[in-house]
C-alpha atoms as a PDB file:
ATOM      1  CA  UNK A   1      18.879   7.906  56.861  1.00  0.00           C
ATOM      2  CA  UNK A   2      18.680   9.486  60.284  1.00  0.00           C
ATOM      3  CA  UNK A   3      22.185   8.532  61.315  1.00  0.00           C
ATOM      4  CA  UNK A   4      23.814   9.206  57.997  1.00  0.00           C
ATOM      5  CA  UNK A   5      24.951  12.662  59.034  1.00  0.00           C
ATOM      6  CA  UNK A   6      26.329  14.463  55.966  1.00  0.00           C
ATOM      7  CA  UNK A   7      28.175  17.769  56.290  1.00  0.00           C
ATOM      8  CA  UNK A   8      27.361  19.336  52.927  1.00  0.00           C
ATOM      9  CA  UNK A   9      28.859  22.662  53.988  1.00  0.00           C
ATOM     10  CA  UNK A  10      32.412  21.451  54.752  1.00  0.00           C
ATOM     11  CA  UNK A  11      33.979  22.434  51.437  1.00  0.00           C
ATOM     12  CA  UNK A  12      32.043  25.691  51.355  1.00  0.00           C
ATOM     13  CA  UNK A  13      33.350  26.755  54.774  1.00  0.00           C
ATOM     14  CA  UNK A  14      36.928  25.977  53.728  1.00  0.00           C
ATOM     15  CA  UNK A  15      36.449  28.196  50.680  1.00  0.00           C
ATOM     16  CA  UNK A  16      35.078  31.015  52.847  1.00  0.00           C
ATOM     17  CA  UNK A  17      38.225  30.936  54.974  1.00  0.00           C
ATOM     18  CA  UNK A  18      40.340  31.626  51.887  1.00  0.00           C
ATOM     19  CA  UNK A  19      38.543  34.853  51.027  1.00  0.00           C
ATOM     20  CA  UNK A  20      38.100  36.503  54.413  1.00  0.00           C
ATOM     21  CA  UNK A  21      40.567  39.149  53.355  1.00  0.00           C
ATOM     22  CA  UNK A  22      38.115  40.282  50.652  1.00  0.00           C
ATOM     23  CA  UNK A  23      34.653  40.432  52.249  1.00  0.00           C
ATOM     24  CA  UNK A  24      33.406  38.984  55.494  1.00  0.00           C
ATOM     25  CA  UNK A  25      30.341  40.714  56.950  1.00  0.00           C
ATOM     26  CA  UNK A  26      30.591  40.593  60.716  1.00  0.00           C
ATOM     27  CA  UNK A  27      26.973  39.655  61.229  1.00  0.00           C
ATOM     28  CA  UNK A  28      27.150  36.756  58.776  1.00  0.00           C
ATOM     29  CA  UNK A  29      30.316  35.415  60.346  1.00  0.00           C
ATOM     30  CA  UNK A  30      28.856  35.727  63.835  1.00  0.00           C
ATOM     31  CA  UNK A  31      25.758  33.791  62.785  1.00  0.00           C
ATOM     32  CA  UNK A  32      27.814  31.010  61.226  1.00  0.00           C
ATOM     33  CA  UNK A  33      30.092  30.783  64.244  1.00  0.00           C
ATOM     34  CA  UNK A  34      27.117  30.500  66.593  1.00  0.00           C
ATOM     35  CA  UNK A  35      25.536  27.779  64.464  1.00  0.00           C
ATOM     36  CA  UNK A  36      28.856  25.943  64.220  1.00  0.00           C
ATOM     37  CA  UNK A  37      29.181  25.937  68.018  1.00  0.00           C
ATOM     38  CA  UNK A  38      25.589  24.770  68.457  1.00  0.00           C
ATOM     39  CA  UNK A  39      26.133  22.067  65.830  1.00  0.00           C
ATOM     40  CA  UNK A  40      29.222  20.813  67.660  1.00  0.00           C
ATOM     41  CA  UNK A  41      27.349  20.683  70.970  1.00  0.00           C
ATOM     42  CA  UNK A  42      24.342  18.889  69.460  1.00  0.00           C
ATOM     43  CA  UNK A  43      26.436  16.282  67.653  1.00  0.00           C
ATOM     44  CA  UNK A  44      28.555  15.699  70.751  1.00  0.00           C
ATOM     45  CA  UNK A  45      25.417  15.333  72.840  1.00  0.00           C
ATOM     46  CA  UNK A  46      23.843  12.938  70.342  1.00  0.00           C
ATOM     47  CA  UNK A  47      26.924  10.714  70.214  1.00  0.00           C
ATOM     48  CA  UNK A  48      27.197  10.660  73.994  1.00  0.00           C
ATOM     49  CA  UNK A  49      23.507   9.739  74.283  1.00  0.00           C
ATOM     50  CA  UNK A  50      23.880   6.988  71.704  1.00  0.00           C
ATOM     51  CA  UNK A  51      26.897   5.599  73.549  1.00  0.00           C
ATOM     52  CA  UNK A  52      25.048   5.772  76.883  1.00  0.00           C
ATOM     53  CA  UNK A  53      21.951   3.964  75.618  1.00  0.00           C
ATOM     54  CA  UNK A  54      24.055   1.474  73.666  1.00  0.00           C
ATOM     55  CA  UNK A  55      25.302   0.209  77.013  1.00  0.00           C
ATOM     56  CA  UNK A  56      21.778  -0.359  78.369  1.00  0.00           C
ATOM     57  CA  UNK A  57      20.437  -3.754  77.382  1.00  0.00           C
ATOM     58  CA  UNK A  58      16.799  -4.327  76.447  1.00  0.00           C
ATOM     59  CA  UNK A  59      14.928  -6.427  78.972  1.00  0.00           C
ATOM     60  CA  UNK A  60      13.339  -8.252  76.035  1.00  0.00           C
ATOM     61  CA  UNK A  61      16.789  -9.306  74.780  1.00  0.00           C
ATOM     62  CA  UNK A  62      15.905  -8.528  71.153  1.00  0.00           C
ATOM     63  CA  UNK A  63      18.558  -7.307  68.728  1.00  0.00           C
ATOM     64  CA  UNK A  64      18.213  -4.341  66.403  1.00  0.00           C
ATOM     65  CA  UNK A  65      17.628  -6.753  63.533  1.00  0.00           C
ATOM     66  CA  UNK A  66      14.872  -8.515  65.490  1.00  0.00           C
ATOM     67  CA  UNK A  67      13.166  -5.206  66.243  1.00  0.00           C
ATOM     68  CA  UNK A  68      13.328  -4.139  62.603  1.00  0.00           C
ATOM     69  CA  UNK A  69      11.895  -7.410  61.322  1.00  0.00           C
ATOM     70  CA  UNK A  70       9.026  -7.288  63.806  1.00  0.00           C
ATOM     71  CA  UNK A  71       8.124  -3.659  63.061  1.00  0.00           C
ATOM     72  CA  UNK A  72       8.020  -4.376  59.340  1.00  0.00           C
ATOM     73  CA  UNK A  73       5.779  -7.413  59.828  1.00  0.00           C
ATOM     74  CA  UNK A  74       3.482  -5.542  62.220  1.00  0.00           C
ATOM     75  CA  UNK A  75       2.982  -2.912  59.514  1.00  0.00           C
ATOM     76  CA  UNK A  76       2.258  -5.493  56.829  1.00  0.00           C
ATOM     77  CA  UNK A  77       5.552  -4.913  54.996  1.00  0.00           C
ATOM     78  CA  UNK A  78       7.093  -8.114  53.626  1.00  0.00           C
ATOM     79  CA  UNK A  79       9.083  -6.862  50.622  1.00  0.00           C
ATOM     80  CA  UNK A  80      11.728  -4.960  52.605  1.00  0.00           C
ATOM     81  CA  UNK A  81      14.939  -6.691  53.644  1.00  0.00           C
ATOM     82  CA  UNK A  82      16.890  -5.919  56.827  1.00  0.00           C
ATOM     83  CA  UNK A  83      20.644  -6.115  56.236  1.00  0.00           C
ATOM     84  CA  UNK A  84      23.886  -5.219  58.011  1.00  0.00           C
ATOM     85  CA  UNK A  85      26.199  -2.619  56.454  1.00  0.00           C
ATOM     86  CA  UNK A  86      29.725  -1.640  57.414  1.00  0.00           C
ATOM     87  CA  UNK A  87      30.516   1.515  59.342  1.00  0.00           C
ATOM     88  CA  UNK A  88      29.343   3.382  62.405  1.00  0.00           C
ATOM     89  CA  UNK A  89      26.108   5.414  62.421  1.00  0.00           C
ATOM     90  CA  UNK A  90      25.573   4.392  58.783  1.00  0.00           C
ATOM     91  CA  UNK A  91      22.007   3.262  59.381  1.00  0.00           C
ATOM     92  CA  UNK A  92      19.520   4.240  56.677  1.00  0.00           C
ATOM     93  CA  UNK A  93      16.567   3.086  54.615  1.00  0.00           C
ATOM     94  CA  UNK A  94      17.071   2.758  50.860  1.00  0.00           C
ATOM     95  CA  UNK A  95      13.762   3.167  48.997  1.00  0.00           C
ATOM     96  CA  UNK A  96      15.283   2.069  45.686  1.00  0.00           C
ATOM     97  CA  UNK A  97      16.464  -1.325  46.942  1.00  0.00           C
ATOM     98  CA  UNK A  98      13.828  -1.554  49.672  1.00  0.00           C
ATOM     99  CA  UNK A  99      16.388  -2.370  52.345  1.00  0.00           C
ATOM    100  CA  UNK A 100      16.713  -1.286  55.959  1.00  0.00           C
ATOM    101  CA  UNK A 101      20.472  -0.945  56.337  1.00  0.00           C
ATOM    102  CA  UNK A 102      21.761  -1.229  59.890  1.00  0.00           C
ATOM    103  CA  UNK A 103      25.331  -0.793  61.097  1.00  0.00           C
ATOM    104  CA  UNK A 104      26.823  -3.731  63.050  1.00  0.00           C
ATOM    105  CA  UNK A 105      26.450  -1.756  66.299  1.00  0.00           C
ATOM    106  CA  UNK A 106      22.698  -1.681  65.683  1.00  0.00           C
ATOM    107  CA  UNK A 107      22.060  -4.902  63.754  1.00  0.00           C
ATOM    108  CA  UNK A 108      23.582  -7.210  66.368  1.00  0.00           C
ATOM    109  CA  UNK A 109      23.224  -5.110  69.519  1.00  0.00           C
ATOM    110  CA  UNK A 110      20.475  -5.821  72.052  1.00  0.00           C
ATOM    111  CA  UNK A 111      20.443  -2.331  73.518  1.00  0.00           C
ATOM    112  CA  UNK A 112      17.910   0.473  73.869  1.00  0.00           C
ATOM    113  CA  UNK A 113      19.807   2.560  71.315  1.00  0.00           C
ATOM    114  CA  UNK A 114      19.828  -0.264  68.765  1.00  0.00           C
ATOM    115  CA  UNK A 115      16.085  -0.781  69.124  1.00  0.00           C
ATOM    116  CA  UNK A 116      15.402   2.946  68.720  1.00  0.00           C
ATOM    117  CA  UNK A 117      17.567   3.263  65.609  1.00  0.00           C
ATOM    118  CA  UNK A 118      16.168   0.103  64.013  1.00  0.00           C
ATOM    119  CA  UNK A 119      12.593   1.246  64.634  1.00  0.00           C
ATOM    120  CA  UNK A 120      13.354   4.694  63.219  1.00  0.00           C
ATOM    121  CA  UNK A 121      14.756   3.278  59.989  1.00  0.00           C
ATOM    122  CA  UNK A 122      11.715   1.043  59.673  1.00  0.00           C
ATOM    123  CA  UNK A 123       9.677   4.205  60.154  1.00  0.00           C
ATOM    124  CA  UNK A 124      11.047   5.302  56.780  1.00  0.00           C
ATOM    125  CA  UNK A 125      10.044   1.961  55.271  1.00  0.00           C
ATOM    126  CA  UNK A 126       6.514   2.518  56.595  1.00  0.00           C
ATOM    127  CA  UNK A 127       6.535   6.011  55.082  1.00  0.00           C
ATOM    128  CA  UNK A 128       7.510   4.507  51.748  1.00  0.00           C
ATOM    129  CA  UNK A 129       4.809   1.855  51.931  1.00  0.00           C
ATOM    130  CA  UNK A 130       2.195   4.480  52.830  1.00  0.00           C
ATOM    131  CA  UNK A 131       3.396   6.901  50.116  1.00  0.00           C
ATOM    132  CA  UNK A 132       4.235   9.586  52.666  1.00  0.00           C
ATOM    133  CA  UNK A 133       4.302  12.835  50.665  1.00  0.00           C
ATOM    134  CA  UNK A 134       7.438  14.398  52.193  1.00  0.00           C
ATOM    135  CA  UNK A 135       9.471  11.223  51.652  1.00  0.00           C
ATOM    136  CA  UNK A 136       8.270  10.974  48.052  1.00  0.00           C
ATOM    137  CA  UNK A 137       9.271  14.597  47.451  1.00  0.00           C
ATOM    138  CA  UNK A 138      12.648  14.113  49.086  1.00  0.00           C
ATOM    139  CA  UNK A 139      13.382  10.967  47.083  1.00  0.00           C
ATOM    140  CA  UNK A 140      12.418  12.646  43.797  1.00  0.00           C
ATOM    141  CA  UNK A 141      14.820  15.517  44.522  1.00  0.00           C
ATOM    142  CA  UNK A 142      17.874  13.342  45.227  1.00  0.00           C
ATOM    143  CA  UNK A 143      19.218  13.305  41.609  1.00  0.00           C
ATOM    144  CA  UNK A 144      18.831  17.082  41.367  1.00  0.00           C
ATOM    145  CA  UNK A 145      20.494  17.644  44.740  1.00  0.00           C
ATOM    146  CA  UNK A 146      23.441  15.443  43.775  1.00  0.00           C
ATOM    147  CA  UNK A 147      24.094  17.746  40.803  1.00  0.00           C
ATOM    148  CA  UNK A 148      23.495  20.884  42.870  1.00  0.00           C
ATOM    149  CA  UNK A 149      25.911  19.724  45.583  1.00  0.00           C
ATOM    150  CA  UNK A 150      28.595  19.138  42.958  1.00  0.00           C
ATOM    151  CA  UNK A 151      28.030  22.599  41.477  1.00  0.00           C
ATOM    152  CA  UNK A 152      28.431  24.344  44.823  1.00  0.00           C
ATOM    153  CA  UNK A 153      31.908  22.845  45.257  1.00  0.00           C
ATOM    154  CA  UNK A 154      33.382  25.073  42.558  1.00  0.00           C
ATOM    155  CA  UNK A 155      30.852  27.732  41.493  1.00  0.00           C
ATOM    156  CA  UNK A 156      30.730  29.538  44.843  1.00  0.00           C
ATOM    157  CA  UNK A 157      34.445  30.139  45.251  1.00  0.00           C
ATOM    158  CA  UNK A 158      35.048  30.729  41.541  1.00  0.00           C
ATOM    159  CA  UNK A 159      32.008  32.973  41.408  1.00  0.00           C
ATOM    160  CA  UNK A 160      33.298  35.138  44.256  1.00  0.00           C
ATOM    161  CA  UNK A 161      36.661  35.512  42.551  1.00  0.00           C
ATOM    162  CA  UNK A 162      35.037  36.510  39.270  1.00  0.00           C
ATOM    163  CA  UNK A 163      32.788  38.962  41.082  1.00  0.00           C
ATOM    164  CA  UNK A 164      35.797  40.506  42.814  1.00  0.00           C
ATOM    165  CA  UNK A 165      38.047  40.771  39.764  1.00  0.00           C
ATOM    166  CA  UNK A 166      35.548  41.236  36.901  1.00  0.00           C
ATOM    167  CA  UNK A 167      32.309  42.272  38.670  1.00  0.00           C
ATOM    168  CA  UNK A 168      30.539  39.472  36.777  1.00  0.00           C
ATOM    169  CA  UNK A 169      27.946  37.827  39.069  1.00  0.00           C
ATOM    170  CA  UNK A 170      26.797  35.070  36.665  1.00  0.00           C
ATOM    171  CA  UNK A 171      28.830  32.148  38.039  1.00  0.00           C
ATOM    172  CA  UNK A 172      28.157  33.126  41.651  1.00  0.00           C
ATOM    173  CA  UNK A 173      24.435  33.336  40.867  1.00  0.00           C
ATOM    174  CA  UNK A 174      24.553  29.737  39.600  1.00  0.00           C
ATOM    175  CA  UNK A 175      26.300  28.668  42.788  1.00  0.00           C
ATOM    176  CA  UNK A 176      23.791  30.469  45.006  1.00  0.00           C
ATOM    177  CA  UNK A 177      20.890  28.896  43.113  1.00  0.00           C
ATOM    178  CA  UNK A 178      22.442  25.443  43.556  1.00  0.00           C
ATOM    179  CA  UNK A 179      23.052  26.130  47.237  1.00  0.00           C
ATOM    180  CA  UNK A 180      19.432  27.251  47.601  1.00  0.00           C
ATOM    181  CA  UNK A 181      18.302  23.840  46.330  1.00  0.00           C
ATOM    182  CA  UNK A 182      20.606  22.087  48.799  1.00  0.00           C
ATOM    183  CA  UNK A 183      19.240  24.260  51.598  1.00  0.00           C
ATOM    184  CA  UNK A 184      15.655  23.518  50.578  1.00  0.00           C
ATOM    185  CA  UNK A 185      16.487  19.815  50.605  1.00  0.00           C
ATOM    186  CA  UNK A 186      17.815  20.131  54.158  1.00  0.00           C
ATOM    187  CA  UNK A 187      14.520  21.599  55.327  1.00  0.00           C
ATOM    188  CA  UNK A 188      12.434  19.043  53.421  1.00  0.00           C
ATOM    189  CA  UNK A 189      14.390  16.354  55.273  1.00  0.00           C
ATOM    190  CA  UNK A 190      13.151  17.611  58.659  1.00  0.00           C
ATOM    191  CA  UNK A 191       9.500  16.458  58.487  1.00  0.00           C
ATOM    192  CA  UNK A 192      10.686  13.133  57.037  1.00  0.00           C
ATOM    193  CA  UNK A 193      12.973  12.488  60.005  1.00  0.00           C
ATOM    194  CA  UNK A 194      10.570  13.712  62.681  1.00  0.00           C
ATOM    195  CA  UNK A 195       7.732  11.645  61.243  1.00  0.00           C
ATOM    196  CA  UNK A 196       9.881   8.497  61.106  1.00  0.00           C
ATOM    197  CA  UNK A 197      10.748   8.948  64.786  1.00  0.00           C
ATOM    198  CA  UNK A 198       7.085   9.554  65.627  1.00  0.00           C
ATOM    199  CA  UNK A 199       6.084   6.315  63.893  1.00  0.00           C
ATOM    200  CA  UNK A 200       8.903   4.415  65.608  1.00  0.00           C
ATOM    201  CA  UNK A 201       8.061   5.664  69.100  1.00  0.00           C
ATOM    202  CA  UNK A 202       4.343   5.055  68.648  1.00  0.00           C
ATOM    203  CA  UNK A 203       5.020   1.472  67.595  1.00  0.00           C
ATOM    204  CA  UNK A 204       7.474   0.894  70.449  1.00  0.00           C
ATOM    205  CA  UNK A 205       4.999   2.333  72.922  1.00  0.00           C
ATOM    206  CA  UNK A 206       2.364  -0.162  71.806  1.00  0.00           C
ATOM    207  CA  UNK A 207       4.700  -3.161  71.846  1.00  0.00           C
ATOM    208  CA  UNK A 208       5.611  -4.061  75.395  1.00  0.00           C
ATOM    209  CA  UNK A 209       7.302  -7.224  74.139  1.00  0.00           C
ATOM    210  CA  UNK A 210       9.984  -4.904  72.673  1.00  0.00           C
ATOM    211  CA  UNK A 211      10.374  -2.256  75.362  1.00  0.00           C
ATOM    212  CA  UNK A 212       8.913  -3.536  78.587  1.00  0.00           C
ATOM    213  CA  UNK A 213       9.335  -0.453  80.786  1.00  0.00           C
ATOM    214  CA  UNK A 214       8.487   3.239  80.536  1.00  0.00           C
ATOM    215  CA  UNK A 215      12.129   4.016  81.268  1.00  0.00           C
ATOM    216  CA  UNK A 216      13.286   2.159  78.139  1.00  0.00           C
ATOM    217  CA  UNK A 217      10.762   4.064  76.030  1.00  0.00           C
ATOM    218  CA  UNK A 218      11.872   7.431  77.436  1.00  0.00           C
ATOM    219  CA  UNK A 219      15.503   6.561  76.730  1.00  0.00           C
ATOM    220  CA  UNK A 220      14.663   5.683  73.133  1.00  0.00           C
ATOM    221  CA  UNK A 221      12.717   8.927  72.780  1.00  0.00           C
ATOM    222  CA  UNK A 222      15.657  10.919  74.139  1.00  0.00           C
ATOM    223  CA  UNK A 223      18.130   9.280  71.736  1.00  0.00           C
ATOM    224  CA  UNK A 224      15.933   9.926  68.695  1.00  0.00           C
ATOM    225  CA  UNK A 225      15.271  13.520  69.731  1.00  0.00           C
ATOM    226  CA  UNK A 226      18.972  14.362  69.865  1.00  0.00           C
ATOM    227  CA  UNK A 227      19.510  12.610  66.541  1.00  0.00           C
ATOM    228  CA  UNK A 228      16.763  14.730  64.977  1.00  0.00           C
ATOM    229  CA  UNK A 229      18.400  17.875  66.350  1.00  0.00           C
ATOM    230  CA  UNK A 230      21.498  17.160  64.234  1.00  0.00           C
ATOM    231  CA  UNK A 231      19.300  17.588  61.167  1.00  0.00           C
ATOM    232  CA  UNK A 232      17.859  20.830  62.515  1.00  0.00           C
ATOM    233  CA  UNK A 233      21.276  22.436  63.003  1.00  0.00           C
ATOM    234  CA  UNK A 234      22.404  21.110  59.602  1.00  0.00           C
ATOM    235  CA  UNK A 235      19.449  22.866  57.974  1.00  0.00           C
ATOM    236  CA  UNK A 236      20.180  26.094  59.856  1.00  0.00           C
ATOM    237  CA  UNK A 237      23.835  25.862  58.864  1.00  0.00           C
ATOM    238  CA  UNK A 238      22.830  25.487  55.212  1.00  0.00           C
ATOM    239  CA  UNK A 239      20.558  28.521  55.507  1.00  0.00           C
ATOM    240  CA  UNK A 240      23.271  30.652  57.112  1.00  0.00           C
ATOM    241  CA  UNK A 241      25.743  29.712  54.371  1.00  0.00           C
ATOM    242  CA  UNK A 242      23.158  30.533  51.703  1.00  0.00           C
ATOM    243  CA  UNK A 243      22.545  33.937  53.295  1.00  0.00           C
ATOM    244  CA  UNK A 244      26.290  34.614  53.360  1.00  0.00           C
ATOM    245  CA  UNK A 245      26.836  33.936  49.661  1.00  0.00           C
ATOM    246  CA  UNK A 246      23.577  35.581  48.595  1.00  0.00           C
ATOM    247  CA  UNK A 247      24.651  38.774  50.392  1.00  0.00           C
ATOM    248  CA  UNK A 248      27.437  39.258  47.835  1.00  0.00           C
ATOM    249  CA  UNK A 249      24.883  39.306  45.037  1.00  0.00           C
ATOM    250  CA  UNK A 250      22.429  41.526  46.891  1.00  0.00           C
ATOM    251  CA  UNK A 251      25.096  44.036  47.932  1.00  0.00           C
ATOM    252  CA  UNK A 252      27.232  44.115  44.783  1.00  0.00           C
ATOM    253  CA  UNK A 253      25.655  47.391  43.619  1.00  0.00           C
ATOM    254  CA  UNK A 254      26.549  49.203  46.820  1.00  0.00           C
END
């Protein structure tokens, strides 16, 4: 989940570019540009950190799969399977199938980064087993968010056109409402991700057979912190986009 970085706003930003000749409040554009720059820096930093720590081998010699299996057992979880999935940074926990899905770079690697990622994903499995409230809420919202994300792909742009040519705000209002749900989902994701990292780091800190030095633990902490920051900027980006579209509705009477 943590490393499945999804850019929900991509289509929305492309649509905005097509209508800049109509309305484009300077303050809204400035905010989005700043967030876009920060997002680029954070994602670049995260990827560079992951690459750096992927090249540092664990003194224990354990692979990401080994770390995941041990963390699950230590938490009394025996009904979750650890599997390898194709792709890069595709690591996630699936609560429906009860599987910790690790990319090949994590599943087979014996690096600090692999151990940190594997432990984080198992942190989500522990959340699930302990009925962590934020994870339960997030999981229950997934079907609704899938529909909302689909709606935003056409209602926002079409709604702006209808507002411009017919002064009818109905379709745009639907799009803004859908985007508000997507934005809410982005913020609900934050405590889920931070808590999973907290659980992972606490477990790693208490298991010297996994990470045998303080330096390894600090490196894992650094990698997970930068990964979490990608979710923070994604949430802020969603909020800025919501504010941009909502401004058309709020200012249409002026």
